[in-house]
Protein backbone atom coordinates (compact mmCIF):
# COMPACT_ATOMS: atom_id res chain seq x y z
CA MET A 1 32.83 156.00 135.74
CA SER A 2 36.57 156.29 136.41
CA VAL A 3 38.28 159.61 135.69
CA ALA A 4 41.91 160.28 134.76
CA ILE A 5 44.10 163.28 134.00
CA VAL A 6 46.89 162.73 131.45
CA THR A 7 49.44 165.47 130.76
CA GLY A 8 51.53 165.75 127.63
CA ALA A 9 48.72 164.14 125.64
CA SER A 10 49.08 165.96 122.34
CA ARG A 11 51.36 163.27 120.95
CA GLY A 12 53.48 160.24 121.79
CA LEU A 13 52.97 158.19 124.92
CA GLY A 14 50.60 160.66 126.57
CA ARG A 15 48.23 160.57 123.62
CA ALA A 16 48.45 156.75 123.49
CA LEU A 17 47.74 156.42 127.22
CA ALA A 18 44.74 158.75 126.98
CA ALA A 19 43.36 156.84 123.99
CA GLU A 20 43.81 153.51 125.75
CA LEU A 21 42.03 154.73 128.88
CA ALA A 22 39.19 156.25 126.86
CA GLY A 23 38.86 152.98 124.97
CA GLN A 24 38.44 151.20 128.28
CA GLY A 25 35.55 153.48 129.20
CA TRP A 26 37.38 156.06 131.30
CA SER A 27 36.62 159.76 131.23
CA VAL A 28 39.95 161.43 130.49
CA VAL A 29 41.03 165.05 130.93
CA VAL A 30 44.00 165.60 128.61
CA SER A 31 46.52 168.41 128.65
CA GLY A 32 48.98 169.64 126.04
CA ARG A 33 50.52 172.88 124.85
CA ASP A 34 49.41 172.43 121.22
CA ALA A 35 45.64 172.82 121.11
CA GLY A 36 45.49 171.67 117.50
CA ALA A 37 47.24 168.39 118.30
CA LEU A 38 45.05 167.39 121.25
CA PRO A 39 42.40 164.71 120.68
CA ASP A 40 39.16 166.10 119.29
CA PRO A 41 36.36 165.35 121.78
CA ALA A 42 34.00 164.90 118.82
CA ASP A 43 36.13 161.95 117.70
CA SER A 44 37.05 160.77 121.21
CA PRO A 45 33.99 160.29 123.45
CA GLY A 46 34.83 160.68 127.11
CA VAL A 47 37.80 162.99 126.45
CA VAL A 48 37.99 166.58 127.71
CA ALA A 49 40.89 168.45 126.09
CA LEU A 50 42.46 171.50 127.75
CA ALA A 51 45.35 173.26 126.06
CA GLY A 52 47.93 174.78 128.35
CA ASP A 53 51.31 174.53 130.03
CA VAL A 54 51.62 172.38 133.16
CA ARG A 55 54.05 174.92 134.58
CA HIS A 56 51.16 177.34 135.03
CA ALA A 57 49.10 177.13 138.22
CA ARG A 58 45.93 178.26 136.43
CA HIS A 59 46.19 175.41 133.94
CA ARG A 60 46.79 172.82 136.65
CA ALA A 61 43.75 174.09 138.56
CA ALA A 62 41.67 173.89 135.37
CA LEU A 63 42.65 170.25 134.84
CA VAL A 64 41.59 169.26 138.35
CA ALA A 65 38.39 171.32 138.11
CA ALA A 66 37.49 169.49 134.89
CA ALA A 67 38.02 166.14 136.62
CA ARG A 68 35.85 167.30 139.52
CA ARG A 69 33.03 168.13 137.12
CA LEU A 70 33.29 164.61 135.71
CA GLY A 71 32.78 163.18 139.18
CA GLY A 72 36.21 163.07 140.79
CA LEU A 73 39.68 161.78 140.03
CA ASP A 74 40.97 158.22 140.17
CA LEU A 75 44.23 158.44 138.23
CA LEU A 76 46.76 161.21 137.61
CA VAL A 77 49.31 160.53 134.87
CA ASN A 78 52.27 162.92 134.88
CA ASN A 79 53.65 162.37 131.39
CA ALA A 80 54.51 165.87 130.10
CA ALA A 81 58.27 166.29 129.75
CA VAL A 82 60.96 168.18 127.86
CA LEU A 83 64.57 167.26 127.16
CA GLY A 84 66.28 170.49 128.13
CA ALA A 85 68.33 170.46 124.91
CA GLU A 86 67.50 169.19 121.41
CA PRO A 87 69.48 167.21 120.43
CA LEU A 88 70.92 166.20 123.77
CA VAL A 89 74.36 167.54 124.68
CA PRO A 90 77.10 166.70 127.20
CA LEU A 91 76.81 168.35 130.58
CA ALA A 92 79.74 170.60 129.67
CA GLU A 93 77.51 172.13 126.99
CA GLN A 94 74.15 172.01 128.75
CA SER A 95 72.63 175.46 129.03
CA PRO A 96 71.45 176.34 132.55
CA ALA A 97 68.30 177.84 131.03
CA GLY A 98 67.45 174.57 129.27
CA PHE A 99 68.10 172.57 132.42
CA ARG A 100 65.95 174.96 134.44
CA HIS A 101 63.13 174.55 131.91
CA ALA A 102 63.38 170.76 132.16
CA LEU A 103 63.30 170.93 135.95
CA GLU A 104 60.17 173.07 135.86
CA VAL A 105 58.30 170.80 133.43
CA ASN A 106 59.60 167.39 134.51
CA LEU A 107 59.82 167.82 138.27
CA VAL A 108 58.24 170.97 139.70
CA ALA A 109 55.02 170.81 137.65
CA PRO A 110 54.27 167.14 138.47
CA LEU A 111 54.65 167.86 142.18
CA ALA A 112 52.41 170.92 141.92
CA LEU A 113 49.76 168.96 140.00
CA VAL A 114 49.86 166.16 142.57
CA GLN A 115 49.30 168.74 145.30
CA GLU A 116 46.35 170.20 143.38
CA ALA A 117 44.86 166.74 142.76
CA LEU A 118 45.39 165.13 146.19
CA PRO A 119 42.02 166.14 147.69
CA LEU A 120 40.23 164.25 144.91
CA LEU A 121 42.66 161.33 144.79
CA ARG A 122 42.44 160.76 148.54
CA VAL A 123 38.67 160.21 148.47
CA SER A 124 38.78 157.85 145.50
CA PRO A 125 38.91 154.13 146.40
CA LEU A 126 41.12 153.71 143.32
CA GLY A 127 43.27 156.82 143.79
CA ALA A 128 46.57 156.44 141.94
CA VAL A 129 49.44 158.49 140.52
CA LEU A 130 51.48 157.27 137.55
CA ASN A 131 54.66 159.28 137.00
CA LEU A 132 56.57 158.58 133.80
CA SER A 133 60.23 157.93 134.46
CA SER A 134 63.17 156.92 132.28
CA ALA A 135 66.11 154.56 132.27
CA ALA A 136 68.19 157.74 132.36
CA ALA A 137 66.98 158.24 135.94
CA VAL A 138 68.97 155.22 137.13
CA GLU A 139 71.66 154.68 134.46
CA THR A 140 74.51 156.94 133.36
CA TYR A 141 74.15 157.61 129.63
CA ALA A 142 76.33 160.22 127.96
CA THR A 143 74.34 163.36 127.01
CA TRP A 144 71.30 162.27 129.05
CA GLY A 145 72.59 163.80 132.30
CA ALA A 146 70.33 166.84 132.61
CA TYR A 147 67.14 165.04 131.51
CA GLY A 148 68.05 162.04 133.65
CA ALA A 149 68.58 164.24 136.70
CA THR A 150 65.04 165.57 136.40
CA LYS A 151 63.65 162.03 136.12
CA ALA A 152 65.77 160.82 139.04
CA GLY A 153 64.24 163.64 141.08
CA LEU A 154 60.77 162.58 139.99
CA ASP A 155 61.52 159.00 141.03
CA LEU A 156 62.53 160.17 144.49
CA LEU A 157 59.48 162.39 144.86
CA SER A 158 57.30 159.47 143.80
CA GLY A 159 58.82 157.19 146.42
CA VAL A 160 58.35 159.74 149.18
CA LEU A 161 54.76 160.36 148.05
CA ALA A 162 54.10 156.62 148.30
CA VAL A 163 55.33 156.65 151.90
CA GLU A 164 53.39 159.78 152.83
CA GLU A 165 50.16 158.73 151.09
CA PRO A 166 49.91 154.99 151.83
CA GLU A 167 46.23 154.83 150.85
CA LEU A 168 47.15 155.77 147.27
CA ARG A 169 48.97 153.74 144.66
CA VAL A 170 52.00 155.63 143.39
CA TRP A 171 53.86 154.11 140.45
CA TRP A 172 56.88 155.55 138.68
CA ALA A 173 57.34 153.70 135.43
CA ASP A 174 60.03 153.57 132.76
CA PRO A 175 58.41 153.03 129.34
CA GLY A 176 61.74 152.34 127.64
CA SER A 177 62.89 153.81 124.35
CA MET A 178 60.06 154.39 121.87
CA ALA A 179 59.61 155.64 118.33
CA THR A 180 58.57 159.17 119.27
CA ARG A 181 59.31 162.71 118.18
CA MET A 182 61.05 163.26 121.51
CA MET A 183 63.42 160.37 120.85
CA ALA A 184 64.12 161.69 117.36
CA SER A 185 64.86 165.12 118.84
CA ALA A 186 67.09 163.65 121.55
CA GLU A 187 69.14 161.44 119.26
CA PRO A 188 68.59 162.30 115.58
CA ASP A 189 70.61 159.27 114.46
CA ALA A 190 68.56 156.77 116.50
CA ALA A 191 67.01 153.90 114.52
CA LEU A 192 63.38 154.57 115.39
CA ASP A 193 62.11 151.73 113.21
CA ALA A 194 63.64 149.28 115.67
CA LEU A 195 61.77 150.75 118.63
CA PRO A 196 58.24 150.02 119.87
CA THR A 197 55.54 152.60 119.29
CA PRO A 198 53.76 154.43 122.12
CA GLU A 199 50.59 152.56 121.14
CA GLU A 200 52.41 149.29 121.88
CA VAL A 201 53.79 150.49 125.21
CA ALA A 202 50.68 152.18 126.63
CA PRO A 203 48.74 148.95 127.34
CA LEU A 204 51.74 147.56 129.21
CA LEU A 205 51.94 150.56 131.53
CA LEU A 206 48.19 150.51 132.11
CA ARG A 207 48.48 146.99 133.50
CA LEU A 208 49.48 148.88 136.65
CA VAL A 209 46.05 150.49 136.73
CA ALA A 210 44.22 147.24 136.04
CA GLU A 211 46.21 145.04 138.41
CA ARG A 212 47.08 147.63 141.08
CA PRO A 213 50.41 146.23 142.29
CA PRO A 214 52.09 147.91 145.27
CA SER A 215 53.50 151.39 144.89
CA GLY A 216 56.96 151.30 143.35
CA ARG A 217 59.15 151.60 140.27
CA TYR A 218 58.24 149.50 137.24
CA THR A 219 59.46 149.09 133.67
CA ALA A 220 57.46 148.34 130.55
CA GLY A 221 59.75 145.38 129.90
CA ALA A 222 58.98 143.80 133.26
CA LEU A 223 55.27 144.47 132.86
CA ALA A 224 55.34 142.79 129.46
CA ALA A 225 56.86 139.69 131.07
């Protein structure tokens, strides 16, 4: 049975990705800071829920240890992220503390979790890393500068990881704008009703897992096409 770790799975895209994988028969270790919002294993067979903060080494080790107990690790999904300011603000008003927090969650923690997981991923014939990116990593949108910088850094780390670990698949994927609490917090005036839901986007991103294209950057829009 295939095993995945999905971070930021208490809501939004992370929760949708975990549910989609579990529905396909995967064993899924899910992480989130809100224990009460994580999927209930009693209602979600194949799901192991661990509450915690991905910034903490002990929590990252616990996630990988849980995957090891399930038989190994085939897929690591780095989805957990924070904005750095809610709502988003221009760079002139961005607090260094908020930016530092975003760097720790969006960039440092994914690298540290990859490092923790590599021994298991390397021995899996399906070993893969899916890092969630953003259009803000490659486009210049007002007020998205700090968040976008963290995602641009994650894109670069993903590309280097793909070069350094050629036996793995490493995908960094932009899901596009979605109707999520994060989007509402980022831009309170956004018309969420016009956006796709995480449940609609998750199957598109998981085409990467099913079809195993080469390592690289992908978008949900291109995968839908």
